PDB file of N, CA and C in Angstrom:
ATOM      1  N   MET A   1     -49.302  11.636  58.361  1.00  0.00           N
ATOM      2  CA  MET A   1     -50.128  11.915  57.214  1.00  0.00           C
ATOM      3  C   MET A   1     -49.372  12.742  56.166  1.00  0.00           C
ATOM      4  N   SER A   2     -48.559  13.657  56.613  1.00  0.00           N
ATOM      5  CA  SER A   2     -47.797  14.502  55.712  1.00  0.00           C
ATOM      6  C   SER A   2     -46.543  13.764  55.239  1.00  0.00           C
ATOM      7  N   GLN A   3     -46.353  13.701  53.914  1.00  0.00           N
ATOM      8  CA  GLN A   3     -45.173  13.057  53.343  1.00  0.00           C
ATOM      9  C   GLN A   3     -44.207  14.125  52.847  1.00  0.00           C
ATOM     10  N   THR A   4     -42.936  13.801  52.940  1.00  0.00           N
ATOM     11  CA  THR A   4     -41.951  14.701  52.345  1.00  0.00           C
ATOM     12  C   THR A   4     -42.004  14.527  50.837  1.00  0.00           C
ATOM     13  N   LEU A   5     -41.440  15.478  50.120  1.00  0.00           N
ATOM     14  CA  LEU A   5     -41.423  15.406  48.659  1.00  0.00           C
ATOM     15  C   LEU A   5     -40.690  14.160  48.189  1.00  0.00           C
ATOM     16  N   LYS A   6     -39.607  13.817  48.857  1.00  0.00           N
ATOM     17  CA  LYS A   6     -38.817  12.640  48.483  1.00  0.00           C
ATOM     18  C   LYS A   6     -39.625  11.356  48.664  1.00  0.00           C
ATOM     19  N   GLU A   7     -40.397  11.268  49.728  1.00  0.00           N
ATOM     20  CA  GLU A   7     -41.222  10.086  49.970  1.00  0.00           C
ATOM     21  C   GLU A   7     -42.381  10.010  48.978  1.00  0.00           C
ATOM     22  N   ALA A   8     -42.939  11.149  48.635  1.00  0.00           N
ATOM     23  CA  ALA A   8     -44.090  11.186  47.738  1.00  0.00           C
ATOM     24  C   ALA A   8     -43.701  10.911  46.294  1.00  0.00           C
ATOM     25  N   SER A   9     -42.480  11.192  45.943  1.00  0.00           N
ATOM     26  CA  SER A   9     -42.023  11.011  44.572  1.00  0.00           C
ATOM     27  C   SER A   9     -40.766  10.147  44.552  1.00  0.00           C
ATOM     28  N   PRO A  10     -40.929   8.830  44.361  1.00  0.00           N
ATOM     29  CA  PRO A  10     -39.765   7.940  44.368  1.00  0.00           C
ATOM     30  C   PRO A  10     -38.723   8.274  43.303  1.00  0.00           C
ATOM     31  N   SER A  11     -39.131   8.975  42.242  1.00  0.00           N
ATOM     32  CA  SER A  11     -38.174   9.308  41.184  1.00  0.00           C
ATOM     33  C   SER A  11     -37.102  10.276  41.671  1.00  0.00           C
ATOM     34  N   LEU A  12     -37.308  10.927  42.805  1.00  0.00           N
ATOM     35  CA  LEU A  12     -36.306  11.844  43.337  1.00  0.00           C
ATOM     36  C   LEU A  12     -35.264  11.133  44.190  1.00  0.00           C
ATOM     37  N   ASN A  13     -35.450   9.829  44.421  1.00  0.00           N
ATOM     38  CA  ASN A  13     -34.478   9.065  45.197  1.00  0.00           C
ATOM     39  C   ASN A  13     -33.194   8.924  44.407  1.00  0.00           C
ATOM     40  N   LYS A  14     -32.082   8.825  45.113  1.00  0.00           N
ATOM     41  CA  LYS A  14     -30.790   8.664  44.435  1.00  0.00           C
ATOM     42  C   LYS A  14     -30.715   7.301  43.755  1.00  0.00           C
ATOM     43  N   GLN A  15     -29.997   7.279  42.662  1.00  0.00           N
ATOM     44  CA  GLN A  15     -29.781   6.042  41.928  1.00  0.00           C
ATOM     45  C   GLN A  15     -28.535   5.361  42.486  1.00  0.00           C
ATOM     46  N   SER A  16     -28.594   4.037  42.635  1.00  0.00           N
ATOM     47  CA  SER A  16     -27.433   3.309  43.138  1.00  0.00           C
ATOM     48  C   SER A  16     -26.322   3.323  42.086  1.00  0.00           C
ATOM     49  N   ARG A  17     -25.109   3.072  42.532  1.00  0.00           N
ATOM     50  CA  ARG A  17     -23.971   3.018  41.593  1.00  0.00           C
ATOM     51  C   ARG A  17     -24.170   1.913  40.572  1.00  0.00           C
ATOM     52  N   ALA A  18     -24.693   0.780  41.026  1.00  0.00           N
ATOM     53  CA  ALA A  18     -24.916  -0.347  40.108  1.00  0.00           C
ATOM     54  C   ALA A  18     -25.927   0.028  39.026  1.00  0.00           C
ATOM     55  N   MET A  19     -27.001   0.702  39.435  1.00  0.00           N
ATOM     56  CA  MET A  19     -28.002   1.096  38.444  1.00  0.00           C
ATOM     57  C   MET A  19     -27.479   2.207  37.535  1.00  0.00           C
ATOM     58  N   SER A  20     -26.616   3.061  38.048  1.00  0.00           N
ATOM     59  CA  SER A  20     -25.971   4.071  37.203  1.00  0.00           C
ATOM     60  C   SER A  20     -25.119   3.394  36.136  1.00  0.00           C
ATOM     61  N   ALA A  21     -24.412   2.348  36.529  1.00  0.00           N
ATOM     62  CA  ALA A  21     -23.584   1.599  35.576  1.00  0.00           C
ATOM     63  C   ALA A  21     -24.457   0.913  34.526  1.00  0.00           C
ATOM     64  N   VAL A  22     -25.553   0.308  34.974  1.00  0.00           N
ATOM     65  CA  VAL A  22     -26.479  -0.349  34.039  1.00  0.00           C
ATOM     66  C   VAL A  22     -27.030   0.677  33.057  1.00  0.00           C
ATOM     67  N   GLU A  23     -27.424   1.837  33.572  1.00  0.00           N
ATOM     68  CA  GLU A  23     -27.953   2.890  32.702  1.00  0.00           C
ATOM     69  C   GLU A  23     -26.906   3.350  31.690  1.00  0.00           C
ATOM     70  N   ALA A  24     -25.680   3.558  32.142  1.00  0.00           N
ATOM     71  CA  ALA A  24     -24.614   4.029  31.259  1.00  0.00           C
ATOM     72  C   ALA A  24     -24.302   3.012  30.161  1.00  0.00           C
ATOM     73  N   VAL A  25     -24.200   1.749  30.530  1.00  0.00           N
ATOM     74  CA  VAL A  25     -23.909   0.703  29.544  1.00  0.00           C
ATOM     75  C   VAL A  25     -25.052   0.584  28.541  1.00  0.00           C
ATOM     76  N   THR A  26     -26.285   0.632  29.032  1.00  0.00           N
ATOM     77  CA  THR A  26     -27.448   0.557  28.146  1.00  0.00           C
ATOM     78  C   THR A  26     -27.468   1.739  27.193  1.00  0.00           C
ATOM     79  N   ASN A  27     -27.209   2.929  27.714  1.00  0.00           N
ATOM     80  CA  ASN A  27     -27.197   4.139  26.891  1.00  0.00           C
ATOM     81  C   ASN A  27     -26.146   4.043  25.792  1.00  0.00           C
ATOM     82  N   VAL A  28     -24.960   3.605  26.136  1.00  0.00           N
ATOM     83  CA  VAL A  28     -23.876   3.494  25.153  1.00  0.00           C
ATOM     84  C   VAL A  28     -24.197   2.417  24.111  1.00  0.00           C
ATOM     85  N   THR A  29     -24.716   1.292  24.562  1.00  0.00           N
ATOM     86  CA  THR A  29     -25.043   0.195  23.643  1.00  0.00           C
ATOM     87  C   THR A  29     -26.124   0.609  22.649  1.00  0.00           C
ATOM     88  N   VAL A  30     -27.186   1.206  23.151  1.00  0.00           N
ATOM     89  CA  VAL A  30     -28.266   1.654  22.270  1.00  0.00           C
ATOM     90  C   VAL A  30     -27.755   2.733  21.318  1.00  0.00           C
ATOM     91  N   GLY A  31     -26.973   3.664  21.840  1.00  0.00           N
ATOM     92  CA  GLY A  31     -26.406   4.706  20.994  1.00  0.00           C
ATOM     93  C   GLY A  31     -25.523   4.151  19.887  1.00  0.00           C
ATOM     94  N   TYR A  32     -24.716   3.154  20.227  1.00  0.00           N
ATOM     95  CA  TYR A  32     -23.824   2.531  19.238  1.00  0.00           C
ATOM     96  C   TYR A  32     -24.638   1.835  18.140  1.00  0.00           C
ATOM     97  N   LEU A  33     -25.682   1.126  18.528  1.00  0.00           N
ATOM     98  CA  LEU A  33     -26.526   0.431  17.544  1.00  0.00           C
ATOM     99  C   LEU A  33     -27.240   1.431  16.628  1.00  0.00           C
ATOM    100  N   ILE A  34     -27.749   2.508  17.218  1.00  0.00           N
ATOM    101  CA  ILE A  34     -28.416   3.537  16.405  1.00  0.00           C
ATOM    102  C   ILE A  34     -27.410   4.203  15.467  1.00  0.00           C
ATOM    103  N   ALA A  35     -26.222   4.509  15.970  1.00  0.00           N
ATOM    104  CA  ALA A  35     -25.193   5.140  15.138  1.00  0.00           C
ATOM    105  C   ALA A  35     -24.780   4.236  13.983  1.00  0.00           C
ATOM    106  N   THR A  36     -24.658   2.944  14.242  1.00  0.00           N
ATOM    107  CA  THR A  36     -24.283   2.004  13.187  1.00  0.00           C
ATOM    108  C   THR A  36     -25.365   1.928  12.113  1.00  0.00           C
ATOM    109  N   ALA A  37     -26.619   1.825  12.542  1.00  0.00           N
ATOM    110  CA  ALA A  37     -27.727   1.779  11.580  1.00  0.00           C
ATOM    111  C   ALA A  37     -27.788   3.078  10.774  1.00  0.00           C
ATOM    112  N   ALA A  38     -27.627   4.208  11.455  1.00  0.00           N
ATOM    113  CA  ALA A  38     -27.668   5.500  10.764  1.00  0.00           C
ATOM    114  C   ALA A  38     -26.520   5.617   9.760  1.00  0.00           C
ATOM    115  N   THR A  39     -25.350   5.150  10.126  1.00  0.00           N
ATOM    116  CA  THR A  39     -24.198   5.186   9.214  1.00  0.00           C
ATOM    117  C   THR A  39     -24.479   4.370   7.960  1.00  0.00           C
ATOM    118  N   CYS A  40     -25.074   3.195   8.143  1.00  0.00           N
ATOM    119  CA  CYS A  40     -25.390   2.318   7.000  1.00  0.00           C
ATOM    120  C   CYS A  40     -26.431   2.938   6.068  1.00  0.00           C
ATOM    121  N   VAL A  41     -27.308   3.765   6.617  1.00  0.00           N
ATOM    122  CA  VAL A  41     -28.372   4.373   5.816  1.00  0.00           C
ATOM    123  C   VAL A  41     -27.951   5.729   5.253  1.00  0.00           C
ATOM    124  N   ILE A  42     -27.370   6.587   6.081  1.00  0.00           N
ATOM    125  CA  ILE A  42     -27.127   7.970   5.683  1.00  0.00           C
ATOM    126  C   ILE A  42     -25.943   8.130   4.727  1.00  0.00           C
ATOM    127  N   LEU A  43     -24.837   7.460   5.000  1.00  0.00           N
ATOM    128  CA  LEU A  43     -23.668   7.656   4.134  1.00  0.00           C
ATOM    129  C   LEU A  43     -23.916   7.232   2.687  1.00  0.00           C
ATOM    130  N   PRO A  44     -24.572   6.098   2.428  1.00  0.00           N
ATOM    131  CA  PRO A  44     -24.862   5.768   1.031  1.00  0.00           C
ATOM    132  C   PRO A  44     -25.770   6.798   0.336  1.00  0.00           C
ATOM    133  N   LEU A  45     -26.632   7.456   1.101  1.00  0.00           N
ATOM    134  CA  LEU A  45     -27.477   8.498   0.515  1.00  0.00           C
ATOM    135  C   LEU A  45     -26.656   9.685   0.020  1.00  0.00           C
ATOM    136  N   HIS A  46     -25.438   9.811   0.540  1.00  0.00           N
ATOM    137  CA  HIS A  46     -24.547  10.898   0.140  1.00  0.00           C
ATOM    138  C   HIS A  46     -23.423  10.410  -0.775  1.00  0.00           C
ATOM    139  N   GLY A  47     -23.581   9.208  -1.299  1.00  0.00           N
ATOM    140  CA  GLY A  47     -22.640   8.709  -2.291  1.00  0.00           C
ATOM    141  C   GLY A  47     -21.429   7.962  -1.748  1.00  0.00           C
ATOM    142  N   TYR A  48     -21.399   7.682  -0.446  1.00  0.00           N
ATOM    143  CA  TYR A  48     -20.272   6.951   0.134  1.00  0.00           C
ATOM    144  C   TYR A  48     -20.597   5.464   0.203  1.00  0.00           C
ATOM    145  N   GLU A  49     -19.636   4.658  -0.221  1.00  0.00           N
ATOM    146  CA  GLU A  49     -19.788   3.210  -0.133  1.00  0.00           C
ATOM    147  C   GLU A  49     -19.394   2.775   1.280  1.00  0.00           C
ATOM    148  N   VAL A  50     -20.284   2.082   1.964  1.00  0.00           N
ATOM    149  CA  VAL A  50     -20.039   1.710   3.356  1.00  0.00           C
ATOM    150  C   VAL A  50     -20.188   0.209   3.527  1.00  0.00           C
ATOM    151  N   THR A  51     -19.115  -0.423   4.013  1.00  0.00           N
ATOM    152  CA  THR A  51     -19.189  -1.835   4.362  1.00  0.00           C
ATOM    153  C   THR A  51     -19.599  -1.941   5.831  1.00  0.00           C
ATOM    154  N   THR A  52     -19.968  -3.133   6.245  1.00  0.00           N
ATOM    155  CA  THR A  52     -20.335  -3.347   7.647  1.00  0.00           C
ATOM    156  C   THR A  52     -19.167  -2.989   8.555  1.00  0.00           C
ATOM    157  N   THR A  53     -17.963  -3.392   8.174  1.00  0.00           N
ATOM    158  CA  THR A  53     -16.774  -3.099   8.981  1.00  0.00           C
ATOM    159  C   THR A  53     -16.558  -1.591   9.108  1.00  0.00           C
ATOM    160  N   LYS A  54     -16.709  -0.875   8.003  1.00  0.00           N
ATOM    161  CA  LYS A  54     -16.552   0.580   8.050  1.00  0.00           C
ATOM    162  C   LYS A  54     -17.619   1.220   8.929  1.00  0.00           C
ATOM    163  N   ALA A  55     -18.854   0.761   8.799  1.00  0.00           N
ATOM    164  CA  ALA A  55     -19.946   1.320   9.597  1.00  0.00           C
ATOM    165  C   ALA A  55     -19.699   1.093  11.084  1.00  0.00           C
ATOM    166  N   LEU A  56     -19.245  -0.096  11.446  1.00  0.00           N
ATOM    167  CA  LEU A  56     -18.948  -0.396  12.849  1.00  0.00           C
ATOM    168  C   LEU A  56     -17.801   0.473  13.366  1.00  0.00           C
ATOM    169  N   SER A  57     -16.783   0.666  12.536  1.00  0.00           N
ATOM    170  CA  SER A  57     -15.622   1.467  12.920  1.00  0.00           C
ATOM    171  C   SER A  57     -15.990   2.942  13.089  1.00  0.00           C
ATOM    172  N   ILE A  58     -16.734   3.485  12.134  1.00  0.00           N
ATOM    173  CA  ILE A  58     -17.158   4.882  12.210  1.00  0.00           C
ATOM    174  C   ILE A  58     -18.023   5.100  13.449  1.00  0.00           C
ATOM    175  N   SER A  59     -18.955   4.194  13.675  1.00  0.00           N
ATOM    176  CA  SER A  59     -19.851   4.308  14.825  1.00  0.00           C
ATOM    177  C   SER A  59     -19.085   4.223  16.137  1.00  0.00           C
ATOM    178  N   LEU A  60     -18.090   3.363  16.191  1.00  0.00           N
ATOM    179  CA  LEU A  60     -17.269   3.231  17.394  1.00  0.00           C
ATOM    180  C   LEU A  60     -16.534   4.542  17.684  1.00  0.00           C
ATOM    181  N   ALA A  61     -16.013   5.181  16.646  1.00  0.00           N
ATOM    182  CA  ALA A  61     -15.306   6.451  16.824  1.00  0.00           C
ATOM    183  C   ALA A  61     -16.253   7.523  17.370  1.00  0.00           C
ATOM    184  N   PHE A  62     -17.438   7.629  16.781  1.00  0.00           N
ATOM    185  CA  PHE A  62     -18.388   8.633  17.250  1.00  0.00           C
ATOM    186  C   PHE A  62     -18.924   8.304  18.643  1.00  0.00           C
ATOM    187  N   THR A  63     -19.030   7.033  18.967  1.00  0.00           N
ATOM    188  CA  THR A  63     -19.460   6.637  20.308  1.00  0.00           C
ATOM    189  C   THR A  63     -18.407   7.046  21.336  1.00  0.00           C
ATOM    190  N   ALA A  64     -17.138   6.854  21.015  1.00  0.00           N
ATOM    191  CA  ALA A  64     -16.057   7.255  21.926  1.00  0.00           C
ATOM    192  C   ALA A  64     -16.063   8.770  22.130  1.00  0.00           C
ATOM    193  N   ILE A  65     -16.279   9.521  21.063  1.00  0.00           N
ATOM    194  CA  ILE A  65     -16.361  10.974  21.174  1.00  0.00           C
ATOM    195  C   ILE A  65     -17.546  11.377  22.052  1.00  0.00           C
ATOM    196  N   SER A  66     -18.668  10.730  21.861  1.00  0.00           N
ATOM    197  CA  SER A  66     -19.864  11.016  22.649  1.00  0.00           C
ATOM    198  C   SER A  66     -19.650  10.720  24.131  1.00  0.00           C
ATOM    199  N   LEU A  67     -18.982   9.601  24.418  1.00  0.00           N
ATOM    200  CA  LEU A  67     -18.689   9.248  25.809  1.00  0.00           C
ATOM    201  C   LEU A  67     -17.797  10.305  26.463  1.00  0.00           C
ATOM    202  N   ALA A  68     -16.779  10.727  25.755  1.00  0.00           N
ATOM    203  CA  ALA A  68     -15.872  11.745  26.287  1.00  0.00           C
ATOM    204  C   ALA A  68     -16.623  13.054  26.528  1.00  0.00           C
ATOM    205  N   ARG A  69     -17.439  13.462  25.581  1.00  0.00           N
ATOM    206  CA  ARG A  69     -18.230  14.686  25.724  1.00  0.00           C
ATOM    207  C   ARG A  69     -19.150  14.606  26.935  1.00  0.00           C
ATOM    208  N   SER A  70     -19.862  13.485  27.065  1.00  0.00           N
ATOM    209  CA  SER A  70     -20.789  13.307  28.187  1.00  0.00           C
ATOM    210  C   SER A  70     -20.066  13.358  29.523  1.00  0.00           C
ATOM    211  N   TYR A  71     -18.922  12.703  29.591  1.00  0.00           N
ATOM    212  CA  TYR A  71     -18.155  12.677  30.838  1.00  0.00           C
ATOM    213  C   TYR A  71     -17.673  14.076  31.213  1.00  0.00           C
ATOM    214  N   ILE A  72     -17.123  14.793  30.244  1.00  0.00           N
ATOM    215  CA  ILE A  72     -16.598  16.134  30.505  1.00  0.00           C
ATOM    216  C   ILE A  72     -17.722  17.076  30.943  1.00  0.00           C
ATOM    217  N   LEU A  73     -18.849  17.039  30.249  1.00  0.00           N
ATOM    218  CA  LEU A  73     -19.965  17.901  30.635  1.00  0.00           C
ATOM    219  C   LEU A  73     -20.513  17.549  32.012  1.00  0.00           C
ATOM    220  N   ARG A  74     -20.609  16.259  32.308  1.00  0.00           N
ATOM    221  CA  ARG A  74     -21.102  15.842  33.624  1.00  0.00           C
ATOM    222  C   ARG A  74     -20.180  16.352  34.727  1.00  0.00           C
ATOM    223  N   ARG A  75     -18.867  16.244  34.509  1.00  0.00           N
ATOM    224  CA  ARG A  75     -17.912  16.721  35.520  1.00  0.00           C
ATOM    225  C   ARG A  75     -18.015  18.248  35.672  1.00  0.00           C
ATOM    226  N   LEU A  76     -18.176  18.972  34.550  1.00  0.00           N
ATOM    227  CA  LEU A  76     -18.323  20.428  34.613  1.00  0.00           C
ATOM    228  C   LEU A  76     -19.589  20.815  35.388  1.00  0.00           C
ATOM    229  N   PHE A  77     -20.688  20.151  35.116  1.00  0.00           N
ATOM    230  CA  PHE A  77     -21.928  20.461  35.815  1.00  0.00           C
ATOM    231  C   PHE A  77     -21.827  20.126  37.301  1.00  0.00           C
ATOM    232  N   ASN A  78     -21.113  19.074  37.632  1.00  0.00           N
ATOM    233  CA  ASN A  78     -20.927  18.742  39.039  1.00  0.00           C
ATOM    234  C   ASN A  78     -20.053  19.768  39.755  1.00  0.00           C
ATOM    235  N   ARG A  79     -19.154  20.392  39.026  1.00  0.00           N
ATOM    236  CA  ARG A  79     -18.244  21.367  39.620  1.00  0.00           C
ATOM    237  C   ARG A  79     -18.954  22.685  39.911  1.00  0.00           C
ATOM    238  N   PHE A  80     -19.893  23.064  39.063  1.00  0.00           N
ATOM    239  CA  PHE A  80     -20.555  24.377  39.207  1.00  0.00           C
ATOM    240  C   PHE A  80     -21.917  24.224  39.740  1.00  0.00           C
TER     241      PHE A  80
END
């Protein structure tokens, strides 16, 4: 009759490596699309002329920075 916390709350179960990969790819893809759309909207509001190629390139750079930041912070949190 008595359930453990893990049994009562499936959200506390560990995520498989495959699902972690799916989550990471989805997160990066959505982030890249949002960054590209934001670049196309925000930079022209500040007087910068932005082509599609430039917006994709800028977004790719910021996505790479974000990935590196996320990885470094995750490793730091795992260490401490």
